[in-house]
Amino acid sequence: EYQRLPKRIRQVIQEALAFNPDPQLGIFKTARAAYQEQINQLSSPAKNEPESIKTHRLKQLAKIQEDLKYLDIFLQGD
């Protein structure tokens, strides 16, 4: 299952496990928690955020949300 994930999602899982290796959660749920944290951070704009930074932040947010959809498909089978 894990090997079928896109490479960037596997990389996030590895980073999540390095940051928070919680055997109770399992790799997919650990990665999902890491993605959710990134979404929370990117969803909160800074005060007086320049338009260029806002555009970049929203692009990152969209990419992370797309990755999360993949991960949720795998979590349904977990």
N, C-alpha and C. Protein backbone atom coordinates (compact mmCIF):
# COMPACT_ATOMS: atom_id res chain seq x y z
N GLU A 1 0.82 -1.20 0.00
CA GLU A 1 0.00 0.00 0.00
C GLU A 1 0.87 1.26 0.00
N TYR A 2 1.78 1.31 0.93
CA TYR A 2 2.64 2.48 1.11
C TYR A 2 3.38 2.83 -0.18
N GLN A 3 3.89 1.83 -0.88
CA GLN A 3 4.66 2.07 -2.10
C GLN A 3 3.81 2.64 -3.23
N ARG A 4 2.51 2.48 -3.16
CA ARG A 4 1.62 3.01 -4.21
C ARG A 4 1.36 4.50 -4.04
N LEU A 5 1.71 5.05 -2.89
CA LEU A 5 1.51 6.48 -2.67
C LEU A 5 2.46 7.29 -3.54
N PRO A 6 2.05 8.49 -3.97
CA PRO A 6 2.97 9.36 -4.69
C PRO A 6 4.21 9.67 -3.83
N LYS A 7 5.34 9.87 -4.49
CA LYS A 7 6.61 10.07 -3.80
C LYS A 7 6.55 11.21 -2.78
N ARG A 8 5.93 12.33 -3.14
CA ARG A 8 5.90 13.46 -2.22
C ARG A 8 5.11 13.14 -0.95
N ILE A 9 4.11 12.28 -1.07
CA ILE A 9 3.34 11.90 0.12
C ILE A 9 4.17 10.96 0.98
N ARG A 10 4.91 10.05 0.37
CA ARG A 10 5.80 9.17 1.14
C ARG A 10 6.84 10.00 1.88
N GLN A 11 7.31 11.07 1.24
CA GLN A 11 8.30 11.95 1.87
C GLN A 11 7.69 12.63 3.10
N VAL A 12 6.46 13.09 2.99
CA VAL A 12 5.79 13.72 4.13
C VAL A 12 5.61 12.71 5.26
N ILE A 13 5.28 11.47 4.89
CA ILE A 13 5.13 10.42 5.91
C ILE A 13 6.47 10.21 6.63
N GLN A 14 7.55 10.15 5.88
CA GLN A 14 8.86 9.97 6.51
C GLN A 14 9.19 11.13 7.44
N GLU A 15 8.90 12.36 7.00
CA GLU A 15 9.15 13.53 7.84
C GLU A 15 8.27 13.50 9.08
N ALA A 16 7.02 13.09 8.91
CA ALA A 16 6.11 13.02 10.05
C ALA A 16 6.58 11.99 11.06
N LEU A 17 7.04 10.85 10.58
CA LEU A 17 7.52 9.80 11.48
C LEU A 17 8.79 10.23 12.20
N ALA A 18 9.65 10.98 11.50
CA ALA A 18 10.87 11.47 12.14
C ALA A 18 10.53 12.50 13.22
N PHE A 19 9.51 13.30 12.94
CA PHE A 19 9.10 14.36 13.87
C PHE A 19 8.30 13.80 15.05
N ASN A 20 7.41 12.85 14.76
CA ASN A 20 6.50 12.34 15.78
C ASN A 20 6.26 10.84 15.59
N PRO A 21 7.24 10.01 15.96
CA PRO A 21 7.07 8.57 15.74
C PRO A 21 6.12 7.94 16.77
N ASP A 22 4.85 8.03 16.52
CA ASP A 22 3.85 7.51 17.45
C ASP A 22 3.33 6.18 16.93
N PRO A 23 3.79 5.06 17.49
CA PRO A 23 3.36 3.75 16.98
C PRO A 23 1.86 3.50 17.17
N GLN A 24 1.23 4.22 18.07
CA GLN A 24 -0.21 4.06 18.28
C GLN A 24 -1.01 4.55 17.07
N LEU A 25 -0.51 5.57 16.40
CA LEU A 25 -1.23 6.16 15.27
C LEU A 25 -1.04 5.39 13.97
N GLY A 26 0.13 4.86 13.73
CA GLY A 26 0.43 4.25 12.44
C GLY A 26 0.89 5.31 11.47
N ILE A 27 1.52 4.89 10.38
CA ILE A 27 2.16 5.86 9.49
C ILE A 27 1.16 6.77 8.78
N PHE A 28 0.02 6.24 8.35
CA PHE A 28 -0.90 7.08 7.59
C PHE A 28 -1.54 8.14 8.49
N LYS A 29 -1.93 7.74 9.68
CA LYS A 29 -2.56 8.71 10.58
C LYS A 29 -1.54 9.72 11.09
N THR A 30 -0.29 9.30 11.27
CA THR A 30 0.78 10.24 11.67
C THR A 30 0.98 11.27 10.56
N ALA A 31 1.01 10.79 9.31
CA ALA A 31 1.19 11.70 8.18
C ALA A 31 -0.01 12.63 8.05
N ARG A 32 -1.20 12.10 8.28
CA ARG A 32 -2.40 12.93 8.18
C ARG A 32 -2.35 14.04 9.22
N ALA A 33 -1.90 13.73 10.41
CA ALA A 33 -1.77 14.74 11.46
C ALA A 33 -0.77 15.82 11.05
N ALA A 34 0.33 15.40 10.41
CA ALA A 34 1.33 16.37 9.94
C ALA A 34 0.74 17.27 8.85
N TYR A 35 -0.02 16.67 7.93
CA TYR A 35 -0.68 17.47 6.89
C TYR A 35 -1.67 18.45 7.52
N GLN A 36 -2.43 17.99 8.48
CA GLN A 36 -3.43 18.85 9.10
C GLN A 36 -2.76 20.04 9.79
N GLU A 37 -1.61 19.81 10.41
CA GLU A 37 -0.86 20.89 11.04
C GLU A 37 -0.42 21.91 10.00
N GLN A 38 0.07 21.43 8.85
CA GLN A 38 0.48 22.34 7.78
C GLN A 38 -0.72 23.15 7.27
N ILE A 39 -1.85 22.49 7.12
CA ILE A 39 -3.06 23.18 6.66
C ILE A 39 -3.46 24.26 7.65
N ASN A 40 -3.40 23.94 8.93
CA ASN A 40 -3.75 24.93 9.96
C ASN A 40 -2.83 26.15 9.87
N GLN A 41 -1.53 25.91 9.68
CA GLN A 41 -0.58 27.01 9.59
C GLN A 41 -0.82 27.85 8.34
N LEU A 42 -1.05 27.19 7.21
CA LEU A 42 -1.23 27.91 5.95
C LEU A 42 -2.59 28.59 5.85
N SER A 43 -3.54 28.15 6.64
CA SER A 43 -4.88 28.74 6.59
C SER A 43 -4.96 30.07 7.34
N SER A 44 -3.94 30.38 8.10
CA SER A 44 -3.94 31.61 8.89
C SER A 44 -2.99 32.63 8.28
N PRO A 45 -3.52 33.59 7.54
CA PRO A 45 -2.63 34.59 6.94
C PRO A 45 -2.05 35.53 7.98
N ALA A 46 -0.86 36.04 7.68
CA ALA A 46 -0.25 37.04 8.54
C ALA A 46 -0.96 38.38 8.31
N LYS A 47 -0.86 39.26 9.29
CA LYS A 47 -1.45 40.60 9.10
C LYS A 47 -0.70 41.31 7.98
N ASN A 48 -1.45 42.05 7.19
CA ASN A 48 -0.88 42.82 6.08
C ASN A 48 -0.02 41.94 5.15
N GLU A 49 -0.49 40.75 4.88
CA GLU A 49 0.23 39.80 4.04
C GLU A 49 0.30 40.34 2.60
N PRO A 50 1.51 40.43 2.03
CA PRO A 50 1.63 40.86 0.63
C PRO A 50 0.92 39.87 -0.31
N GLU A 51 0.43 40.38 -1.41
CA GLU A 51 -0.32 39.55 -2.37
C GLU A 51 0.51 38.37 -2.88
N SER A 52 1.81 38.60 -3.12
CA SER A 52 2.66 37.52 -3.64
C SER A 52 2.79 36.38 -2.62
N ILE A 53 2.89 36.72 -1.36
CA ILE A 53 2.99 35.70 -0.32
C ILE A 53 1.65 34.99 -0.17
N LYS A 54 0.57 35.73 -0.28
CA LYS A 54 -0.76 35.12 -0.19
C LYS A 54 -0.95 34.11 -1.31
N THR A 55 -0.57 34.48 -2.53
CA THR A 55 -0.70 33.58 -3.68
C THR A 55 0.10 32.31 -3.47
N HIS A 56 1.34 32.47 -3.01
CA HIS A 56 2.20 31.31 -2.76
C HIS A 56 1.60 30.43 -1.65
N ARG A 57 1.13 31.04 -0.59
CA ARG A 57 0.55 30.30 0.53
C ARG A 57 -0.68 29.50 0.08
N LEU A 58 -1.52 30.13 -0.73
CA LEU A 58 -2.72 29.44 -1.20
C LEU A 58 -2.40 28.29 -2.16
N LYS A 59 -1.33 28.46 -2.97
CA LYS A 59 -0.90 27.36 -3.85
C LYS A 59 -0.41 26.19 -3.02
N GLN A 60 0.38 26.47 -1.99
CA GLN A 60 0.87 25.42 -1.10
C GLN A 60 -0.30 24.72 -0.42
N LEU A 61 -1.25 25.50 0.03
CA LEU A 61 -2.41 24.96 0.72
C LEU A 61 -3.19 24.02 -0.21
N ALA A 62 -3.38 24.42 -1.45
CA ALA A 62 -4.11 23.58 -2.42
C ALA A 62 -3.37 22.27 -2.67
N LYS A 63 -2.04 22.33 -2.78
CA LYS A 63 -1.24 21.13 -3.02
C LYS A 63 -1.35 20.18 -1.82
N ILE A 64 -1.26 20.72 -0.63
CA ILE A 64 -1.35 19.90 0.58
C ILE A 64 -2.74 19.27 0.70
N GLN A 65 -3.76 20.03 0.38
CA GLN A 65 -5.11 19.49 0.45
C GLN A 65 -5.31 18.37 -0.57
N GLU A 66 -4.68 18.49 -1.73
CA GLU A 66 -4.75 17.44 -2.75
C GLU A 66 -4.04 16.18 -2.25
N ASP A 67 -2.87 16.35 -1.65
CA ASP A 67 -2.15 15.20 -1.08
C ASP A 67 -2.98 14.52 0.00
N LEU A 68 -3.67 15.33 0.78
CA LEU A 68 -4.48 14.80 1.87
C LEU A 68 -5.61 13.93 1.34
N LYS A 69 -6.15 14.28 0.17
CA LYS A 69 -7.19 13.45 -0.44
C LYS A 69 -6.66 12.06 -0.75
N TYR A 70 -5.42 11.99 -1.30
CA TYR A 70 -4.79 10.70 -1.56
C TYR A 70 -4.66 9.91 -0.26
N LEU A 71 -4.15 10.58 0.74
CA LEU A 71 -3.90 9.92 2.02
C LEU A 71 -5.20 9.41 2.64
N ASP A 72 -6.26 10.18 2.54
CA ASP A 72 -7.54 9.76 3.10
C ASP A 72 -8.07 8.50 2.41
N ILE A 73 -7.81 8.37 1.13
CA ILE A 73 -8.21 7.15 0.41
C ILE A 73 -7.52 5.94 1.03
N PHE A 74 -6.24 6.08 1.35
CA PHE A 74 -5.51 4.98 1.96
C PHE A 74 -5.97 4.74 3.40
N LEU A 75 -6.32 5.81 4.09
CA LEU A 75 -6.78 5.66 5.48
C LEU A 75 -8.11 4.91 5.54
N GLN A 76 -8.93 5.06 4.52
CA GLN A 76 -10.22 4.35 4.52
C GLN A 76 -10.01 2.84 4.53
N GLY A 77 -8.91 2.40 3.92
CA GLY A 77 -8.61 0.98 3.90
C GLY A 77 -7.81 0.51 5.11
N ASP A 78 -7.36 1.45 5.93
CA ASP A 78 -6.51 1.14 7.08
C ASP A 78 -7.33 0.64 8.26
